[in-house]
Amino acid sequence: MNYLDNLGDRDKKTLKIASVFIAFILFTFVIILPLKDRKDFYKKKVEAKKKTLISIAVMSERYKDLKEKVKKSGSSSHNKKDDFTLFSFLDRAAADAGLKRQIKAMKPSTATKTDYIESTVVVELENVSITPLVKYMYTIESSGHNIKIRKVDIKPRYSNPGHMSVTLIISAIQNL
């Protein structure tokens, strides 16, 4: 304290002001700025979590919708399990579309999976025009059953340019 006693009033005042200024700068750099950086860090983290939460909520709603659709389609196929066969349905649809005579072959097959049965029929049509083919395919796709046209192979007939040979691979899924 000997040194401070020897200083004049003006020097003491300057030293006090400098001490307060240095203390303020230290307080700012050591406490305030790290807290502000931490606050900004957590604010960004909260925003990222909010976005994640929103996307999870959207996915949850989508999952519920898809689950309900599967439940409805499963129950509809489950109720129609006894009286619905893919082969007979395709045969009736071909008759309705006026393609009964153009059927060259219908080859059915069945595969049993863990939770469902997949029935597949390969339908070969010969000498078909576009209008009844479109009607036939529309009838299949809009049937309300779990039916999907997996593959369509169309080959033009050079002997009759307005007609074609068509091979359709059609599958249906039924719950066990």
C-alpha atoms as a PDB file:
ATOM      1  CA  MET A   1       0.000   0.000   0.000  1.00  0.00           C
ATOM      2  CA  ASN A   2       3.004   2.160   0.212  1.00  0.00           C
ATOM      3  CA  TYR A   3       2.966   2.825  -3.494  1.00  0.00           C
ATOM      4  CA  LEU A   4      -0.692   3.981  -3.485  1.00  0.00           C
ATOM      5  CA  ASP A   5      -0.081   6.344  -0.608  1.00  0.00           C
ATOM      6  CA  ASN A   6       2.648   8.101  -2.569  1.00  0.00           C
ATOM      7  CA  LEU A   7       0.356   8.787  -5.551  1.00  0.00           C
ATOM      8  CA  GLY A   8      -1.393  12.067  -5.974  1.00  0.00           C
ATOM      9  CA  ASP A   9      -5.176  12.505  -6.056  1.00  0.00           C
ATOM     10  CA  ARG A  10      -5.219  12.791  -9.837  1.00  0.00           C
ATOM     11  CA  ASP A  11      -3.178   9.588 -10.271  1.00  0.00           C
ATOM     12  CA  LYS A  12      -5.364   7.757  -7.757  1.00  0.00           C
ATOM     13  CA  LYS A  13      -8.457   8.846  -9.664  1.00  0.00           C
ATOM     14  CA  THR A  14      -6.910   7.729 -12.975  1.00  0.00           C
ATOM     15  CA  LEU A  15      -5.906   4.400 -11.456  1.00  0.00           C
ATOM     16  CA  LYS A  16      -9.450   3.844 -10.114  1.00  0.00           C
ATOM     17  CA  ILE A  17     -10.995   4.667 -13.506  1.00  0.00           C
ATOM     18  CA  ALA A  18      -8.521   2.384 -15.270  1.00  0.00           C
ATOM     19  CA  SER A  19      -9.248  -0.402 -12.748  1.00  0.00           C
ATOM     20  CA  VAL A  20     -13.000  -0.034 -13.287  1.00  0.00           C
ATOM     21  CA  PHE A  21     -12.499   0.001 -17.065  1.00  0.00           C
ATOM     22  CA  ILE A  22     -10.272  -3.116 -16.978  1.00  0.00           C
ATOM     23  CA  ALA A  23     -12.734  -4.845 -14.633  1.00  0.00           C
ATOM     24  CA  PHE A  24     -15.584  -3.983 -17.025  1.00  0.00           C
ATOM     25  CA  ILE A  25     -13.647  -5.328 -20.035  1.00  0.00           C
ATOM     26  CA  LEU A  26     -12.714  -8.510 -18.162  1.00  0.00           C
ATOM     27  CA  PHE A  27     -16.315  -8.923 -17.001  1.00  0.00           C
ATOM     28  CA  THR A  28     -17.497  -8.467 -20.595  1.00  0.00           C
ATOM     29  CA  PHE A  29     -15.004 -10.899 -22.148  1.00  0.00           C
ATOM     30  CA  VAL A  30     -15.050 -13.497 -19.383  1.00  0.00           C
ATOM     31  CA  ILE A  31     -18.746 -13.561 -18.432  1.00  0.00           C
ATOM     32  CA  ILE A  32     -21.035 -11.638 -20.803  1.00  0.00           C
ATOM     33  CA  LEU A  33     -19.706 -12.715 -24.232  1.00  0.00           C
ATOM     34  CA  PRO A  34     -19.483 -16.460 -23.381  1.00  0.00           C
ATOM     35  CA  LEU A  35     -23.034 -16.323 -22.018  1.00  0.00           C
ATOM     36  CA  LYS A  36     -24.218 -14.570 -25.176  1.00  0.00           C
ATOM     37  CA  ASP A  37     -22.456 -17.158 -27.366  1.00  0.00           C
ATOM     38  CA  ARG A  38     -23.978 -19.974 -25.308  1.00  0.00           C
ATOM     39  CA  LYS A  39     -27.421 -18.363 -25.607  1.00  0.00           C
ATOM     40  CA  ASP A  40     -27.033 -18.125 -29.412  1.00  0.00           C
ATOM     41  CA  PHE A  41     -25.822 -21.736 -29.534  1.00  0.00           C
ATOM     42  CA  TYR A  42     -28.843 -22.967 -27.602  1.00  0.00           C
ATOM     43  CA  LYS A  43     -31.189 -20.763 -29.603  1.00  0.00           C
ATOM     44  CA  LYS A  44     -29.943 -22.366 -32.841  1.00  0.00           C
ATOM     45  CA  LYS A  45     -30.231 -25.790 -31.261  1.00  0.00           C
ATOM     46  CA  VAL A  46     -33.835 -25.076 -30.200  1.00  0.00           C
ATOM     47  CA  GLU A  47     -34.709 -23.928 -33.733  1.00  0.00           C
ATOM     48  CA  ALA A  48     -33.203 -27.109 -35.200  1.00  0.00           C
ATOM     49  CA  LYS A  49     -35.148 -29.227 -32.698  1.00  0.00           C
ATOM     50  CA  LYS A  50     -38.363 -27.358 -33.570  1.00  0.00           C
ATOM     51  CA  LYS A  51     -37.839 -28.145 -37.248  1.00  0.00           C
ATOM     52  CA  THR A  52     -37.162 -31.777 -36.379  1.00  0.00           C
ATOM     53  CA  LEU A  53     -40.283 -31.893 -34.212  1.00  0.00           C
ATOM     54  CA  ILE A  54     -42.394 -30.431 -37.016  1.00  0.00           C
ATOM     55  CA  SER A  55     -41.061 -32.989 -39.489  1.00  0.00           C
ATOM     56  CA  ILE A  56     -41.741 -35.794 -36.993  1.00  0.00           C
ATOM     57  CA  ALA A  57     -45.296 -34.527 -36.547  1.00  0.00           C
ATOM     58  CA  VAL A  58     -45.792 -34.450 -40.323  1.00  0.00           C
ATOM     59  CA  MET A  59     -44.372 -37.967 -40.656  1.00  0.00           C
ATOM     60  CA  SER A  60     -46.607 -39.126 -37.801  1.00  0.00           C
ATOM     61  CA  GLU A  61     -49.713 -37.805 -39.558  1.00  0.00           C
ATOM     62  CA  ARG A  62     -48.601 -39.397 -42.819  1.00  0.00           C
ATOM     63  CA  TYR A  63     -47.959 -42.677 -41.012  1.00  0.00           C
ATOM     64  CA  LYS A  64     -51.435 -42.572 -39.442  1.00  0.00           C
ATOM     65  CA  ASP A  65     -53.010 -41.889 -42.851  1.00  0.00           C
ATOM     66  CA  LEU A  66     -51.075 -44.712 -44.502  1.00  0.00           C
ATOM     67  CA  LYS A  67     -51.851 -47.065 -41.627  1.00  0.00           C
ATOM     68  CA  GLU A  68     -55.554 -46.245 -41.976  1.00  0.00           C
ATOM     69  CA  LYS A  69     -55.404 -46.833 -45.744  1.00  0.00           C
ATOM     70  CA  VAL A  70     -53.660 -50.165 -45.216  1.00  0.00           C
ATOM     71  CA  LYS A  71     -56.214 -51.085 -42.574  1.00  0.00           C
ATOM     72  CA  LYS A  72     -59.072 -50.204 -44.926  1.00  0.00           C
ATOM     73  CA  SER A  73     -57.523 -52.014 -47.873  1.00  0.00           C
ATOM     74  CA  GLY A  74     -56.644 -54.955 -45.660  1.00  0.00           C
ATOM     75  CA  SER A  75     -60.150 -55.169 -44.287  1.00  0.00           C
ATOM     76  CA  SER A  76     -61.662 -54.873 -47.758  1.00  0.00           C
ATOM     77  CA  SER A  77     -59.431 -57.610 -49.081  1.00  0.00           C
ATOM     78  CA  HIS A  78     -60.032 -59.641 -45.941  1.00  0.00           C
ATOM     79  CA  ASN A  79     -63.802 -59.402 -46.361  1.00  0.00           C
ATOM     80  CA  LYS A  80     -63.614 -60.303 -50.036  1.00  0.00           C
ATOM     81  CA  LYS A  81     -61.067 -63.047 -49.461  1.00  0.00           C
ATOM     82  CA  ASP A  82     -63.537 -65.883 -49.816  1.00  0.00           C
ATOM     83  CA  ASP A  83     -65.255 -64.814 -53.048  1.00  0.00           C
ATOM     84  CA  PHE A  84     -62.488 -62.928 -54.881  1.00  0.00           C
ATOM     85  CA  THR A  85     -59.959 -64.600 -57.140  1.00  0.00           C
ATOM     86  CA  LEU A  86     -57.698 -62.644 -59.432  1.00  0.00           C
ATOM     87  CA  PHE A  87     -58.044 -65.087 -62.322  1.00  0.00           C
ATOM     88  CA  SER A  88     -61.863 -64.969 -62.426  1.00  0.00           C
ATOM     89  CA  PHE A  89     -61.869 -61.184 -61.970  1.00  0.00           C
ATOM     90  CA  LEU A  90     -59.514 -60.728 -64.934  1.00  0.00           C
ATOM     91  CA  ASP A  91     -61.615 -63.105 -67.015  1.00  0.00           C
ATOM     92  CA  ARG A  92     -64.811 -61.111 -66.258  1.00  0.00           C
ATOM     93  CA  ALA A  93     -63.020 -57.804 -66.917  1.00  0.00           C
ATOM     94  CA  ALA A  94     -61.810 -59.113 -70.294  1.00  0.00           C
ATOM     95  CA  ALA A  95     -65.368 -60.130 -71.191  1.00  0.00           C
ATOM     96  CA  ASP A  96     -66.664 -56.672 -70.164  1.00  0.00           C
ATOM     97  CA  ALA A  97     -63.989 -54.935 -72.259  1.00  0.00           C
ATOM     98  CA  GLY A  98     -64.717 -57.170 -75.269  1.00  0.00           C
ATOM     99  CA  LEU A  99     -61.340 -58.903 -75.151  1.00  0.00           C
ATOM    100  CA  LYS A 100     -62.458 -62.447 -74.350  1.00  0.00           C
ATOM    101  CA  ARG A 101     -61.617 -63.745 -77.850  1.00  0.00           C
ATOM    102  CA  GLN A 102     -58.235 -62.003 -77.923  1.00  0.00           C
ATOM    103  CA  ILE A 103     -56.948 -63.844 -74.833  1.00  0.00           C
ATOM    104  CA  LYS A 104     -54.164 -66.134 -75.978  1.00  0.00           C
ATOM    105  CA  ALA A 105     -53.207 -67.363 -72.497  1.00  0.00           C
ATOM    106  CA  MET A 106     -53.735 -66.647 -68.802  1.00  0.00           C
ATOM    107  CA  LYS A 107     -51.095 -68.125 -66.498  1.00  0.00           C
ATOM    108  CA  PRO A 108     -51.838 -67.848 -62.764  1.00  0.00           C
ATOM    109  CA  SER A 109     -49.329 -68.287 -59.940  1.00  0.00           C
ATOM    110  CA  THR A 110     -49.466 -67.780 -56.174  1.00  0.00           C
ATOM    111  CA  ALA A 111     -46.759 -66.892 -53.670  1.00  0.00           C
ATOM    112  CA  THR A 112     -47.344 -66.990 -49.913  1.00  0.00           C
ATOM    113  CA  LYS A 113     -45.375 -64.460 -47.883  1.00  0.00           C
ATOM    114  CA  THR A 114     -45.323 -64.035 -44.105  1.00  0.00           C
ATOM    115  CA  ASP A 115     -48.342 -61.714 -43.829  1.00  0.00           C
ATOM    116  CA  TYR A 116     -50.045 -61.960 -47.205  1.00  0.00           C
ATOM    117  CA  ILE A 117     -50.661 -63.989 -50.327  1.00  0.00           C
ATOM    118  CA  GLU A 118     -49.599 -62.555 -53.682  1.00  0.00           C
ATOM    119  CA  SER A 119     -51.479 -63.888 -56.681  1.00  0.00           C
ATOM    120  CA  THR A 120     -50.023 -63.156 -60.103  1.00  0.00           C
ATOM    121  CA  VAL A 121     -51.584 -63.730 -63.514  1.00  0.00           C
ATOM    122  CA  VAL A 122     -49.775 -63.284 -66.817  1.00  0.00           C
ATOM    123  CA  VAL A 123     -52.347 -62.334 -69.439  1.00  0.00           C
ATOM    124  CA  GLU A 124     -51.340 -62.619 -73.096  1.00  0.00           C
ATOM    125  CA  LEU A 125     -53.597 -60.840 -75.571  1.00  0.00           C
ATOM    126  CA  GLU A 126     -53.301 -61.069 -79.323  1.00  0.00           C
ATOM    127  CA  ASN A 127     -54.653 -58.837 -82.105  1.00  0.00           C
ATOM    128  CA  VAL A 128     -55.938 -56.141 -79.690  1.00  0.00           C
ATOM    129  CA  SER A 129     -56.856 -52.554 -80.555  1.00  0.00           C
ATOM    130  CA  ILE A 130     -56.063 -49.722 -78.168  1.00  0.00           C
ATOM    131  CA  THR A 131     -59.604 -48.825 -77.038  1.00  0.00           C
ATOM    132  CA  PRO A 132     -60.605 -52.155 -75.452  1.00  0.00           C
ATOM    133  CA  LEU A 133     -57.092 -52.528 -74.016  1.00  0.00           C
ATOM    134  CA  VAL A 134     -57.358 -49.180 -72.243  1.00  0.00           C
ATOM    135  CA  LYS A 135     -60.843 -50.099 -70.976  1.00  0.00           C
ATOM    136  CA  TYR A 136     -59.498 -53.438 -69.680  1.00  0.00           C
ATOM    137  CA  MET A 137     -56.535 -51.830 -67.916  1.00  0.00           C
ATOM    138  CA  TYR A 138     -58.739 -49.108 -66.412  1.00  0.00           C
ATOM    139  CA  THR A 139     -61.145 -51.738 -65.090  1.00  0.00           C
ATOM    140  CA  ILE A 140     -58.242 -53.566 -63.441  1.00  0.00           C
ATOM    141  CA  GLU A 141     -56.670 -50.481 -61.862  1.00  0.00           C
ATOM    142  CA  SER A 142     -59.948 -49.003 -60.604  1.00  0.00           C
ATOM    143  CA  SER A 143     -61.412 -52.252 -59.266  1.00  0.00           C
ATOM    144  CA  GLY A 144     -61.160 -51.387 -55.577  1.00  0.00           C
ATOM    145  CA  HIS A 145     -59.227 -54.571 -54.872  1.00  0.00           C
ATOM    146  CA  ASN A 146     -55.523 -54.688 -54.090  1.00  0.00           C
ATOM    147  CA  ILE A 147     -54.643 -55.207 -57.748  1.00  0.00           C
ATOM    148  CA  LYS A 148     -51.703 -53.715 -59.577  1.00  0.00           C
ATOM    149  CA  ILE A 149     -50.540 -54.016 -63.166  1.00  0.00           C
ATOM    150  CA  ARG A 150     -46.849 -54.706 -62.629  1.00  0.00           C
ATOM    151  CA  LYS A 151     -45.726 -54.867 -66.244  1.00  0.00           C
ATOM    152  CA  VAL A 152     -47.129 -54.097 -69.684  1.00  0.00           C
ATOM    153  CA  ASP A 153     -45.383 -55.357 -72.800  1.00  0.00           C
ATOM    154  CA  ILE A 154     -46.860 -54.096 -76.087  1.00  0.00           C
ATOM    155  CA  LYS A 155     -45.666 -55.303 -79.482  1.00  0.00           C
ATOM    156  CA  PRO A 156     -47.116 -53.908 -82.714  1.00  0.00           C
ATOM    157  CA  ARG A 157     -48.530 -56.332 -85.278  1.00  0.00           C
ATOM    158  CA  TYR A 158     -47.027 -55.642 -88.660  1.00  0.00           C
ATOM    159  CA  SER A 159     -49.733 -57.611 -90.455  1.00  0.00           C
ATOM    160  CA  ASN A 160     -52.408 -55.309 -88.974  1.00  0.00           C
ATOM    161  CA  PRO A 161     -50.965 -51.919 -87.857  1.00  0.00           C
ATOM    162  CA  GLY A 162     -54.077 -50.938 -85.818  1.00  0.00           C
ATOM    163  CA  HIS A 163     -53.676 -53.955 -83.553  1.00  0.00           C
ATOM    164  CA  MET A 164     -50.993 -55.255 -81.208  1.00  0.00           C
ATOM    165  CA  SER A 165     -49.931 -58.159 -79.057  1.00  0.00           C
ATOM    166  CA  VAL A 166     -49.950 -57.369 -75.338  1.00  0.00           C
ATOM    167  CA  THR A 167     -48.606 -59.170 -72.298  1.00  0.00           C
ATOM    168  CA  LEU A 168     -49.771 -57.958 -68.894  1.00  0.00           C
ATOM    169  CA  ILE A 169     -48.400 -59.101 -65.552  1.00  0.00           C
ATOM    170  CA  ILE A 170     -51.028 -58.407 -62.914  1.00  0.00           C
ATOM    171  CA  SER A 171     -50.745 -59.094 -59.201  1.00  0.00           C
ATOM    172  CA  ALA A 172     -53.145 -58.976 -56.267  1.00  0.00           C
ATOM    173  CA  ILE A 173     -52.357 -59.037 -52.567  1.00  0.00           C
ATOM    174  CA  GLN A 174     -54.640 -60.624 -49.994  1.00  0.00           C
ATOM    175  CA  ASN A 175     -54.021 -60.581 -46.234  1.00  0.00           C
ATOM    176  CA  LEU A 176     -53.797 -63.888 -44.433  1.00  0.00           C
END
